[in-house]
Amino acid sequence: MVYEFKVEPDDLDEAARHIWRLAQENARVISYAQEWLQVEESGGLILTPVLDELQKVCDKLKASYERLGTITDSSSTELTNAGIMYKNTDHATAAALDRAYSAGADK
């Protein structure tokens, strides 16, 4: 069964806006994590190993959210570019591109 691949440029634009908002909110998550998950160094000898591990987890969490922000921002940009391409490409060329992408998905 073959499905027709069809792109609505306005839908791409809307998705790009949602992903861009996600990227912007991600910066707030990083600030929140830095403010509330920062480990205090006054745990004494007994808690030092636990606090050290917790700090490592917090550092990895921050790095992961920074990476997520970069990925979502780049994704938003690419969706916007794809929408522009589909708006500016004539229908015959777009249909040929769609067939090429569909054929590649079957492999």
C-alpha atoms as a PDB file:
ATOM      1  CA  MET A   1       0.000   0.000   0.000  1.00  0.00           C
ATOM      2  CA  VAL A   2       1.401   3.383  -1.019  1.00  0.00           C
ATOM      3  CA  TYR A   3       0.583   6.545   0.869  1.00  0.00           C
ATOM      4  CA  GLU A   4       0.791   9.975  -0.666  1.00  0.00           C
ATOM      5  CA  PHE A   5       3.409  12.129   1.020  1.00  0.00           C
ATOM      6  CA  LYS A   6       1.989  15.615   1.381  1.00  0.00           C
ATOM      7  CA  VAL A   7       3.424  18.609   3.206  1.00  0.00           C
ATOM      8  CA  GLU A   8       1.444  21.579   4.446  1.00  0.00           C
ATOM      9  CA  PRO A   9       3.961  24.429   4.820  1.00  0.00           C
ATOM     10  CA  ASP A  10       1.765  26.176   7.383  1.00  0.00           C
ATOM     11  CA  ASP A  11       1.826  23.039   9.534  1.00  0.00           C
ATOM     12  CA  LEU A  12       5.628  23.034   9.362  1.00  0.00           C
ATOM     13  CA  ASP A  13       5.643  26.675  10.447  1.00  0.00           C
ATOM     14  CA  GLU A  14       3.370  25.910  13.384  1.00  0.00           C
ATOM     15  CA  ALA A  15       5.510  22.955  14.459  1.00  0.00           C
ATOM     16  CA  ALA A  16       8.622  25.145  14.190  1.00  0.00           C
ATOM     17  CA  ARG A  17       7.019  27.741  16.484  1.00  0.00           C
ATOM     18  CA  HIS A  18       6.146  25.092  19.082  1.00  0.00           C
ATOM     19  CA  ILE A  19       9.637  23.630  19.017  1.00  0.00           C
ATOM     20  CA  TRP A  20      11.177  27.121  19.220  1.00  0.00           C
ATOM     21  CA  ARG A  21       9.077  27.802  22.342  1.00  0.00           C
ATOM     22  CA  LEU A  22      10.324  24.521  23.790  1.00  0.00           C
ATOM     23  CA  ALA A  23      13.907  25.638  23.153  1.00  0.00           C
ATOM     24  CA  GLN A  24      13.206  28.952  24.905  1.00  0.00           C
ATOM     25  CA  GLU A  25      11.605  27.224  27.901  1.00  0.00           C
ATOM     26  CA  ASN A  26      14.617  24.948  28.107  1.00  0.00           C
ATOM     27  CA  ALA A  27      16.777  27.916  29.141  1.00  0.00           C
ATOM     28  CA  ARG A  28      14.433  28.480  32.079  1.00  0.00           C
ATOM     29  CA  VAL A  29      14.814  24.835  33.111  1.00  0.00           C
ATOM     30  CA  ILE A  30      18.594  25.229  33.198  1.00  0.00           C
ATOM     31  CA  SER A  31      18.304  28.344  35.379  1.00  0.00           C
ATOM     32  CA  TYR A  32      15.878  26.554  37.690  1.00  0.00           C
ATOM     33  CA  ALA A  33      18.165  23.540  38.020  1.00  0.00           C
ATOM     34  CA  GLN A  34      21.168  25.728  38.768  1.00  0.00           C
ATOM     35  CA  GLU A  35      19.254  27.626  41.432  1.00  0.00           C
ATOM     36  CA  TRP A  36      17.538  24.736  43.203  1.00  0.00           C
ATOM     37  CA  LEU A  37      19.779  21.748  42.591  1.00  0.00           C
ATOM     38  CA  GLN A  38      23.113  23.338  43.425  1.00  0.00           C
ATOM     39  CA  VAL A  39      24.755  21.212  46.098  1.00  0.00           C
ATOM     40  CA  GLU A  40      26.060  22.902  49.224  1.00  0.00           C
ATOM     41  CA  GLU A  41      29.600  22.013  50.267  1.00  0.00           C
ATOM     42  CA  SER A  42      28.813  22.006  54.000  1.00  0.00           C
ATOM     43  CA  GLY A  43      27.699  18.400  54.340  1.00  0.00           C
ATOM     44  CA  GLY A  44      30.528  17.245  56.541  1.00  0.00           C
ATOM     45  CA  LEU A  45      32.578  14.097  56.075  1.00  0.00           C
ATOM     46  CA  ILE A  46      29.646  11.722  56.263  1.00  0.00           C
ATOM     47  CA  LEU A  47      27.631  13.367  53.478  1.00  0.00           C
ATOM     48  CA  THR A  48      30.526  14.418  51.249  1.00  0.00           C
ATOM     49  CA  PRO A  49      30.446  11.293  49.016  1.00  0.00           C
ATOM     50  CA  VAL A  50      26.676  11.595  48.576  1.00  0.00           C
ATOM     51  CA  LEU A  51      26.883  15.307  47.825  1.00  0.00           C
ATOM     52  CA  ASP A  52      29.719  14.738  45.354  1.00  0.00           C
ATOM     53  CA  GLU A  53      27.626  12.201  43.437  1.00  0.00           C
ATOM     54  CA  LEU A  54      24.594  14.469  43.539  1.00  0.00           C
ATOM     55  CA  GLN A  55      26.685  17.297  42.103  1.00  0.00           C
ATOM     56  CA  LYS A  56      27.829  15.019  39.270  1.00  0.00           C
ATOM     57  CA  VAL A  57      24.200  14.189  38.480  1.00  0.00           C
ATOM     58  CA  CYS A  58      23.278  17.888  38.538  1.00  0.00           C
ATOM     59  CA  ASP A  59      26.149  18.701  36.177  1.00  0.00           C
ATOM     60  CA  LYS A  60      25.039  15.964  33.755  1.00  0.00           C
ATOM     61  CA  LEU A  61      21.454  17.199  33.951  1.00  0.00           C
ATOM     62  CA  LYS A  62      22.569  20.719  33.075  1.00  0.00           C
ATOM     63  CA  ALA A  63      24.647  19.467  30.139  1.00  0.00           C
ATOM     64  CA  SER A  64      21.730  17.359  28.884  1.00  0.00           C
ATOM     65  CA  TYR A  65      19.338  20.304  28.984  1.00  0.00           C
ATOM     66  CA  GLU A  66      21.862  22.526  27.230  1.00  0.00           C
ATOM     67  CA  ARG A  67      22.148  19.913  24.474  1.00  0.00           C
ATOM     68  CA  LEU A  68      18.363  19.589  24.290  1.00  0.00           C
ATOM     69  CA  GLY A  69      18.112  23.365  23.885  1.00  0.00           C
ATOM     70  CA  THR A  70      20.580  23.309  21.014  1.00  0.00           C
ATOM     71  CA  ILE A  71      18.797  20.428  19.294  1.00  0.00           C
ATOM     72  CA  THR A  72      15.319  21.924  19.626  1.00  0.00           C
ATOM     73  CA  ASP A  73      16.508  25.322  18.421  1.00  0.00           C
ATOM     74  CA  SER A  74      18.198  23.746  15.385  1.00  0.00           C
ATOM     75  CA  SER A  75      15.111  21.634  14.695  1.00  0.00           C
ATOM     76  CA  SER A  76      12.925  24.728  14.731  1.00  0.00           C
ATOM     77  CA  THR A  77      15.223  26.446  12.252  1.00  0.00           C
ATOM     78  CA  GLU A  78      15.224  23.443   9.915  1.00  0.00           C
ATOM     79  CA  LEU A  79      11.435  23.104  10.034  1.00  0.00           C
ATOM     80  CA  THR A  80      11.124  26.788   9.179  1.00  0.00           C
ATOM     81  CA  ASN A  81      13.544  26.321   6.270  1.00  0.00           C
ATOM     82  CA  ALA A  82      11.605  23.279   5.052  1.00  0.00           C
ATOM     83  CA  GLY A  83       8.367  25.265   5.155  1.00  0.00           C
ATOM     84  CA  ILE A  84       9.965  28.052   3.125  1.00  0.00           C
ATOM     85  CA  MET A  85      11.273  25.520   0.614  1.00  0.00           C
ATOM     86  CA  TYR A  86       7.844  23.935   0.178  1.00  0.00           C
ATOM     87  CA  LYS A  87       6.201  27.358  -0.201  1.00  0.00           C
ATOM     88  CA  ASN A  88       8.713  28.456  -2.829  1.00  0.00           C
ATOM     89  CA  THR A  89       8.982  25.203  -4.778  1.00  0.00           C
ATOM     90  CA  ASP A  90       6.558  24.631  -7.611  1.00  0.00           C
ATOM     91  CA  HIS A  91       4.172  21.712  -7.220  1.00  0.00           C
ATOM     92  CA  ALA A  92       5.772  19.539  -9.910  1.00  0.00           C
ATOM     93  CA  THR A  93       9.206  19.806  -8.315  1.00  0.00           C
ATOM     94  CA  ALA A  94       7.722  19.246  -4.861  1.00  0.00           C
ATOM     95  CA  ALA A  95       5.942  16.111  -6.079  1.00  0.00           C
ATOM     96  CA  ALA A  96       9.211  14.785  -7.533  1.00  0.00           C
ATOM     97  CA  LEU A  97      10.995  15.453  -4.224  1.00  0.00           C
ATOM     98  CA  ASP A  98       8.196  13.764  -2.292  1.00  0.00           C
ATOM     99  CA  ARG A  99       8.429  10.677  -4.510  1.00  0.00           C
ATOM    100  CA  ALA A 100      12.197  10.575  -4.007  1.00  0.00           C
ATOM    101  CA  TYR A 101      11.826  10.779  -0.211  1.00  0.00           C
ATOM    102  CA  SER A 102       9.091   8.129  -0.236  1.00  0.00           C
ATOM    103  CA  ALA A 103      11.234   5.796  -2.350  1.00  0.00           C
ATOM    104  CA  GLY A 104      14.143   6.226   0.060  1.00  0.00           C
ATOM    105  CA  ALA A 105      11.941   5.306   3.016  1.00  0.00           C
ATOM    106  CA  ASP A 106      11.149   1.929   1.455  1.00  0.00           C
ATOM    107  CA  LYS A 107      14.794   0.847   1.555  1.00  0.00           C
END
